[in-house]
PDB file of N, CA and C in Angstrom:
ATOM      1  N   MET A   1       0.842  -1.176   0.000  1.00  0.00           N
ATOM      2  CA  MET A   1       0.000   0.000   0.000  1.00  0.00           C
ATOM      3  C   MET A   1       0.886   1.237   0.000  1.00  0.00           C
ATOM      4  N   GLY A   2       0.483   2.255  -0.697  1.00  0.00           N
ATOM      5  CA  GLY A   2       1.253   3.479  -0.776  1.00  0.00           C
ATOM      6  C   GLY A   2       0.916   4.208  -2.052  1.00  0.00           C
ATOM      7  N   SER A   3       1.617   5.254  -2.296  1.00  0.00           N
ATOM      8  CA  SER A   3       1.370   6.085  -3.462  1.00  0.00           C
ATOM      9  C   SER A   3       2.330   5.731  -4.589  1.00  0.00           C
ATOM     10  N   GLU A   4       1.905   5.958  -5.817  1.00  0.00           N
ATOM     11  CA  GLU A   4       2.775   5.742  -6.973  1.00  0.00           C
ATOM     12  C   GLU A   4       3.456   7.031  -7.399  1.00  0.00           C
ATOM     13  N   LEU A   5       3.251   8.112  -6.640  1.00  0.00           N
ATOM     14  CA  LEU A   5       3.904   9.382  -6.951  1.00  0.00           C
ATOM     15  C   LEU A   5       5.403   9.273  -6.735  1.00  0.00           C
ATOM     16  N   PRO A   6       6.208   9.974  -7.524  1.00  0.00           N
ATOM     17  CA  PRO A   6       7.648   9.997  -7.248  1.00  0.00           C
ATOM     18  C   PRO A   6       7.907  10.763  -5.948  1.00  0.00           C
ATOM     19  N   ASP A   7       9.036  10.495  -5.314  1.00  0.00           N
ATOM     20  CA  ASP A   7       9.365  11.111  -4.030  1.00  0.00           C
ATOM     21  C   ASP A   7       9.253  12.633  -4.058  1.00  0.00           C
ATOM     22  N   ALA A   8       9.730  13.263  -5.126  1.00  0.00           N
ATOM     23  CA  ALA A   8       9.709  14.727  -5.207  1.00  0.00           C
ATOM     24  C   ALA A   8       8.290  15.279  -5.104  1.00  0.00           C
ATOM     25  N   ALA A   9       7.308  14.549  -5.596  1.00  0.00           N
ATOM     26  CA  ALA A   9       5.924  15.021  -5.551  1.00  0.00           C
ATOM     27  C   ALA A   9       5.427  15.161  -4.113  1.00  0.00           C
ATOM     28  N   PHE A  10       5.890  14.276  -3.223  1.00  0.00           N
ATOM     29  CA  PHE A  10       5.485  14.382  -1.819  1.00  0.00           C
ATOM     30  C   PHE A  10       5.926  15.720  -1.235  1.00  0.00           C
ATOM     31  N   TYR A  11       7.119  16.145  -1.596  1.00  0.00           N
ATOM     32  CA  TYR A  11       7.654  17.401  -1.069  1.00  0.00           C
ATOM     33  C   TYR A  11       6.984  18.609  -1.708  1.00  0.00           C
ATOM     34  N   HIS A  12       6.750  18.549  -3.001  1.00  0.00           N
ATOM     35  CA  HIS A  12       6.114  19.678  -3.688  1.00  0.00           C
ATOM     36  C   HIS A  12       4.662  19.863  -3.253  1.00  0.00           C
ATOM     37  N   GLN A  13       3.982  18.762  -2.980  1.00  0.00           N
ATOM     38  CA  GLN A  13       2.572  18.832  -2.600  1.00  0.00           C
ATOM     39  C   GLN A  13       2.375  18.880  -1.090  1.00  0.00           C
ATOM     40  N   SER A  14       3.428  18.687  -0.326  1.00  0.00           N
ATOM     41  CA  SER A  14       3.361  18.673   1.147  1.00  0.00           C
ATOM     42  C   SER A  14       2.279  17.727   1.663  1.00  0.00           C
ATOM     43  N   ALA A  15       2.172  16.575   1.024  1.00  0.00           N
ATOM     44  CA  ALA A  15       1.194  15.575   1.441  1.00  0.00           C
ATOM     45  C   ALA A  15       1.761  14.184   1.181  1.00  0.00           C
ATOM     46  N   LEU A  16       1.364  13.221   1.984  1.00  0.00           N
ATOM     47  CA  LEU A  16       1.906  11.874   1.849  1.00  0.00           C
ATOM     48  C   LEU A  16       1.179  11.016   0.827  1.00  0.00           C
ATOM     49  N   HIS A  17      -0.093  11.217   0.619  1.00  0.00           N
ATOM     50  CA  HIS A  17      -0.878  10.446  -0.355  1.00  0.00           C
ATOM     51  C   HIS A  17      -0.675   8.939  -0.198  1.00  0.00           C
ATOM     52  N   GLY A  18      -0.584   8.477   1.018  1.00  0.00           N
ATOM     53  CA  GLY A  18      -0.427   7.043   1.257  1.00  0.00           C
ATOM     54  C   GLY A  18       1.001   6.547   1.144  1.00  0.00           C
ATOM     55  N   GLY A  19       1.968   7.450   1.100  1.00  0.00           N
ATOM     56  CA  GLY A  19       3.377   7.053   0.989  1.00  0.00           C
ATOM     57  C   GLY A  19       3.826   6.246   2.200  1.00  0.00           C
ATOM     58  N   LEU A  20       4.952   5.595   2.059  1.00  0.00           N
ATOM     59  CA  LEU A  20       5.464   4.734   3.118  1.00  0.00           C
ATOM     60  C   LEU A  20       6.493   5.451   3.973  1.00  0.00           C
ATOM     61  N   ALA A  21       6.530   5.107   5.237  1.00  0.00           N
ATOM     62  CA  ALA A  21       7.536   5.639   6.158  1.00  0.00           C
ATOM     63  C   ALA A  21       8.387   4.464   6.642  1.00  0.00           C
ATOM     64  N   TYR A  22       9.607   4.738   7.031  1.00  0.00           N
ATOM     65  CA  TYR A  22      10.528   3.702   7.480  1.00  0.00           C
ATOM     66  C   TYR A  22      10.951   3.957   8.918  1.00  0.00           C
ATOM     67  N   THR A  23      11.223   2.878   9.638  1.00  0.00           N
ATOM     68  CA  THR A  23      11.733   2.991  11.000  1.00  0.00           C
ATOM     69  C   THR A  23      13.234   3.282  10.925  1.00  0.00           C
ATOM     70  N   PRO A  24      13.816   3.788  12.011  1.00  0.00           N
ATOM     71  CA  PRO A  24      15.269   3.994  12.018  1.00  0.00           C
ATOM     72  C   PRO A  24      16.040   2.704  11.696  1.00  0.00           C
ATOM     73  N   ASP A  25      15.595   1.583  12.249  1.00  0.00           N
ATOM     74  CA  ASP A  25      16.284   0.315  11.979  1.00  0.00           C
ATOM     75  C   ASP A  25      16.172  -0.087  10.519  1.00  0.00           C
ATOM     76  N   SER A  26      15.021   0.172   9.893  1.00  0.00           N
ATOM     77  CA  SER A  26      14.857  -0.130   8.469  1.00  0.00           C
ATOM     78  C   SER A  26      15.791   0.727   7.630  1.00  0.00           C
ATOM     79  N   LEU A  27      15.892   2.011   7.949  1.00  0.00           N
ATOM     80  CA  LEU A  27      16.784   2.896   7.205  1.00  0.00           C
ATOM     81  C   LEU A  27      18.235   2.447   7.350  1.00  0.00           C
ATOM     82  N   ARG A  28      18.604   2.066   8.559  1.00  0.00           N
ATOM     83  CA  ARG A  28      19.978   1.595   8.777  1.00  0.00           C
ATOM     84  C   ARG A  28      20.254   0.319   7.984  1.00  0.00           C
ATOM     85  N   TRP A  29      19.266  -0.568   7.898  1.00  0.00           N
ATOM     86  CA  TRP A  29      19.435  -1.803   7.138  1.00  0.00           C
ATOM     87  C   TRP A  29      19.514  -1.507   5.637  1.00  0.00           C
ATOM     88  N   ILE A  30      18.621  -0.683   5.132  1.00  0.00           N
ATOM     89  CA  ILE A  30      18.598  -0.338   3.706  1.00  0.00           C
ATOM     90  C   ILE A  30      19.925   0.276   3.281  1.00  0.00           C
ATOM     91  N   PHE A  31      20.473   1.152   4.123  1.00  0.00           N
ATOM     92  CA  PHE A  31      21.708   1.861   3.797  1.00  0.00           C
ATOM     93  C   PHE A  31      22.906   1.300   4.563  1.00  0.00           C
ATOM     94  N   SER A  32      22.875   0.020   4.887  1.00  0.00           N
ATOM     95  CA  SER A  32      23.908  -0.590   5.731  1.00  0.00           C
ATOM     96  C   SER A  32      25.313  -0.527   5.136  1.00  0.00           C
ATOM     97  N   GLU A  33      25.434  -0.364   3.839  1.00  0.00           N
ATOM     98  CA  GLU A  33      26.758  -0.267   3.230  1.00  0.00           C
ATOM     99  C   GLU A  33      27.321   1.155   3.298  1.00  0.00           C
ATOM    100  N   LEU A  34      26.531   2.079   3.820  1.00  0.00           N
ATOM    101  CA  LEU A  34      26.942   3.474   3.930  1.00  0.00           C
ATOM    102  C   LEU A  34      27.204   3.835   5.381  1.00  0.00           C
ATOM    103  N   THR A  35      27.900   4.936   5.600  1.00  0.00           N
ATOM    104  CA  THR A  35      28.182   5.434   6.945  1.00  0.00           C
ATOM    105  C   THR A  35      27.072   6.396   7.363  1.00  0.00           C
ATOM    106  N   GLU A  36      26.466   6.138   8.501  1.00  0.00           N
ATOM    107  CA  GLU A  36      25.409   7.020   9.009  1.00  0.00           C
ATOM    108  C   GLU A  36      26.022   8.325   9.513  1.00  0.00           C
ATOM    109  N   ILE A  37      25.506   9.435   9.013  1.00  0.00           N
ATOM    110  CA  ILE A  37      25.931  10.757   9.458  1.00  0.00           C
ATOM    111  C   ILE A  37      24.912  11.307  10.450  1.00  0.00           C
ATOM    112  N   GLU A  38      23.642  11.246  10.095  1.00  0.00           N
ATOM    113  CA  GLU A  38      22.586  11.763  10.979  1.00  0.00           C
ATOM    114  C   GLU A  38      21.284  11.040  10.692  1.00  0.00           C
ATOM    115  N   LEU A  39      20.553  10.745  11.741  1.00  0.00           N
ATOM    116  CA  LEU A  39      19.234  10.122  11.652  1.00  0.00           C
ATOM    117  C   LEU A  39      18.376  10.781  12.722  1.00  0.00           C
ATOM    118  N   ARG A  40      17.335  11.488  12.313  1.00  0.00           N
ATOM    119  CA  ARG A  40      16.496  12.202  13.282  1.00  0.00           C
ATOM    120  C   ARG A  40      15.072  12.327  12.754  1.00  0.00           C
ATOM    121  N   ARG A  41      14.163  12.629  13.654  1.00  0.00           N
ATOM    122  CA  ARG A  41      12.771  12.871  13.261  1.00  0.00           C
ATOM    123  C   ARG A  41      12.668  14.210  12.551  1.00  0.00           C
ATOM    124  N   MET A  42      11.727  14.299  11.640  1.00  0.00           N
ATOM    125  CA  MET A  42      11.477  15.570  10.955  1.00  0.00           C
ATOM    126  C   MET A  42      10.845  16.550  11.940  1.00  0.00           C
ATOM    127  N   HIS A  43      10.916  17.820  11.601  1.00  0.00           N
ATOM    128  CA  HIS A  43      10.244  18.851  12.380  1.00  0.00           C
ATOM    129  C   HIS A  43       8.846  19.058  11.810  1.00  0.00           C
ATOM    130  N   ASP A  44       7.884  19.291  12.685  1.00  0.00           N
ATOM    131  CA  ASP A  44       6.523  19.594  12.245  1.00  0.00           C
ATOM    132  C   ASP A  44       6.518  20.959  11.566  1.00  0.00           C
ATOM    133  N   GLU A  45       5.853  21.068  10.442  1.00  0.00           N
ATOM    134  CA  GLU A  45       5.731  22.335   9.728  1.00  0.00           C
ATOM    135  C   GLU A  45       4.277  22.798   9.786  1.00  0.00           C
ATOM    136  N   PRO A  46       4.049  24.070  10.055  1.00  0.00           N
ATOM    137  CA  PRO A  46       2.681  24.572  10.144  1.00  0.00           C
ATOM    138  C   PRO A  46       1.994  24.588   8.773  1.00  0.00           C
ATOM    139  N   SER A  47       0.681  24.604   8.801  1.00  0.00           N
ATOM    140  CA  SER A  47      -0.110  24.691   7.580  1.00  0.00           C
ATOM    141  C   SER A  47       0.305  25.923   6.791  1.00  0.00           C
ATOM    142  N   GLY A  48       0.463  25.788   5.493  1.00  0.00           N
ATOM    143  CA  GLY A  48       0.854  26.905   4.655  1.00  0.00           C
ATOM    144  C   GLY A  48       2.361  27.081   4.533  1.00  0.00           C
ATOM    145  N   SER A  49       3.140  26.292   5.251  1.00  0.00           N
ATOM    146  CA  SER A  49       4.595  26.398   5.172  1.00  0.00           C
ATOM    147  C   SER A  49       5.074  25.902   3.810  1.00  0.00           C
ATOM    148  N   PRO A  50       6.097  26.527   3.240  1.00  0.00           N
ATOM    149  CA  PRO A  50       6.651  26.031   1.977  1.00  0.00           C
ATOM    150  C   PRO A  50       7.496  24.768   2.172  1.00  0.00           C
ATOM    151  N   LEU A  51       7.752  24.393   3.428  1.00  0.00           N
ATOM    152  CA  LEU A  51       8.559  23.218   3.744  1.00  0.00           C
ATOM    153  C   LEU A  51       7.672  22.049   4.134  1.00  0.00           C
ATOM    154  N   PHE A  52       8.170  20.838   3.934  1.00  0.00           N
ATOM    155  CA  PHE A  52       7.442  19.633   4.318  1.00  0.00           C
ATOM    156  C   PHE A  52       8.066  19.073   5.581  1.00  0.00           C
ATOM    157  N   GLY A  53       7.257  18.716   6.545  1.00  0.00           N
ATOM    158  CA  GLY A  53       7.761  18.094   7.758  1.00  0.00           C
ATOM    159  C   GLY A  53       6.635  17.473   8.555  1.00  0.00           C
ATOM    160  N   GLU A  54       6.825  16.228   8.941  1.00  0.00           N
ATOM    161  CA  GLU A  54       5.876  15.507   9.780  1.00  0.00           C
ATOM    162  C   GLU A  54       6.681  14.859  10.897  1.00  0.00           C
ATOM    163  N   PRO A  55       6.361  15.138  12.154  1.00  0.00           N
ATOM    164  CA  PRO A  55       7.180  14.657  13.263  1.00  0.00           C
ATOM    165  C   PRO A  55       7.192  13.147  13.449  1.00  0.00           C
ATOM    166  N   PHE A  56       6.325  12.405  12.780  1.00  0.00           N
ATOM    167  CA  PHE A  56       6.346  10.952  12.903  1.00  0.00           C
ATOM    168  C   PHE A  56       7.259  10.308  11.849  1.00  0.00           C
ATOM    169  N   LEU A  57       7.839  11.119  10.948  1.00  0.00           N
ATOM    170  CA  LEU A  57       8.741  10.612   9.913  1.00  0.00           C
ATOM    171  C   LEU A  57      10.198  10.864  10.299  1.00  0.00           C
ATOM    172  N   TRP A  58      11.077  10.058   9.738  1.00  0.00           N
ATOM    173  CA  TRP A  58      12.510  10.192   9.976  1.00  0.00           C
ATOM    174  C   TRP A  58      13.183  10.789   8.754  1.00  0.00           C
ATOM    175  N   THR A  59      14.243  11.519   8.979  1.00  0.00           N
ATOM    176  CA  THR A  59      15.098  12.015   7.912  1.00  0.00           C
ATOM    177  C   THR A  59      16.502  11.502   8.201  1.00  0.00           C
ATOM    178  N   ALA A  60      17.220  11.148   7.156  1.00  0.00           N
ATOM    179  CA  ALA A  60      18.518  10.524   7.357  1.00  0.00           C
ATOM    180  C   ALA A  60      19.541  11.031   6.346  1.00  0.00           C
ATOM    181  N   LEU A  61      20.777  11.049   6.782  1.00  0.00           N
ATOM    182  CA  LEU A  61      21.894  11.406   5.919  1.00  0.00           C
ATOM    183  C   LEU A  61      22.955  10.323   6.084  1.00  0.00           C
ATOM    184  N   PHE A  62      23.310   9.690   4.968  1.00  0.00           N
ATOM    185  CA  PHE A  62      24.329   8.644   4.958  1.00  0.00           C
ATOM    186  C   PHE A  62      25.398   9.026   3.945  1.00  0.00           C
ATOM    187  N   ARG A  63      26.617   8.534   4.159  1.00  0.00           N
ATOM    188  CA  ARG A  63      27.733   8.845   3.270  1.00  0.00           C
ATOM    189  C   ARG A  63      28.331   7.552   2.713  1.00  0.00           C
ATOM    190  N   ARG A  64      28.667   7.597   1.444  1.00  0.00           N
ATOM    191  CA  ARG A  64      29.361   6.493   0.806  1.00  0.00           C
ATOM    192  C   ARG A  64      30.808   6.487   1.314  1.00  0.00           C
ATOM    193  N   PRO A  65      31.376   5.306   1.595  1.00  0.00           N
ATOM    194  CA  PRO A  65      32.763   5.277   2.060  1.00  0.00           C
ATOM    195  C   PRO A  65      33.706   5.976   1.069  1.00  0.00           C
ATOM    196  N   THR A  66      34.718   6.631   1.598  1.00  0.00           N
ATOM    197  CA  THR A  66      35.690   7.360   0.790  1.00  0.00           C
ATOM    198  C   THR A  66      36.333   6.434  -0.237  1.00  0.00           C
ATOM    199  N   GLY A  67      36.419   6.939  -1.480  1.00  0.00           N
ATOM    200  CA  GLY A  67      37.075   6.184  -2.530  1.00  0.00           C
ATOM    201  C   GLY A  67      36.154   5.237  -3.284  1.00  0.00           C
ATOM    202  N   GLU A  68      34.995   4.923  -2.737  1.00  0.00           N
ATOM    203  CA  GLU A  68      34.072   4.033  -3.416  1.00  0.00           C
ATOM    204  C   GLU A  68      33.341   4.760  -4.521  1.00  0.00           C
ATOM    205  N   GLY A  69      33.165   4.119  -5.630  1.00  0.00           N
ATOM    206  CA  GLY A  69      32.419   4.715  -6.717  1.00  0.00           C
ATOM    207  C   GLY A  69      33.267   5.586  -7.631  1.00  0.00           C
ATOM    208  N   SER A  70      34.540   5.795  -7.258  1.00  0.00           N
ATOM    209  CA  SER A  70      35.400   6.604  -8.123  1.00  0.00           C
ATOM    210  C   SER A  70      36.268   5.669  -8.967  1.00  0.00           C
ATOM    211  N   THR A  71      36.674   6.145 -10.107  1.00  0.00           N
ATOM    212  CA  THR A  71      37.519   5.351 -10.975  1.00  0.00           C
ATOM    213  C   THR A  71      38.867   6.035 -11.152  1.00  0.00           C
ATOM    214  N   ALA A  72      39.895   5.244 -11.296  1.00  0.00           N
ATOM    215  CA  ALA A  72      41.239   5.790 -11.496  1.00  0.00           C
ATOM    216  C   ALA A  72      41.395   6.213 -12.956  1.00  0.00           C
ATOM    217  N   ALA A  73      42.038   7.330 -13.171  1.00  0.00           N
ATOM    218  CA  ALA A  73      42.232   7.826 -14.543  1.00  0.00           C
ATOM    219  C   ALA A  73      43.577   7.408 -15.059  1.00  0.00           C
TER     220      ALA A  73
END
């Protein structure tokens, strides 16, 4: 169950439309090959705000290990 909208549409429309949310453990598992930089709950945004935020959702920042994904010239 969920929406077929692309991720960007959720932010532009400031609505979930049935989108899926992930637990912190799920995010860590999905991105387990990356280094966790920050994992925190979103901030609630008031009605009419140009920003999207729901306090029951998580936001995360992960980093690819140094040197991975680059090619030698």
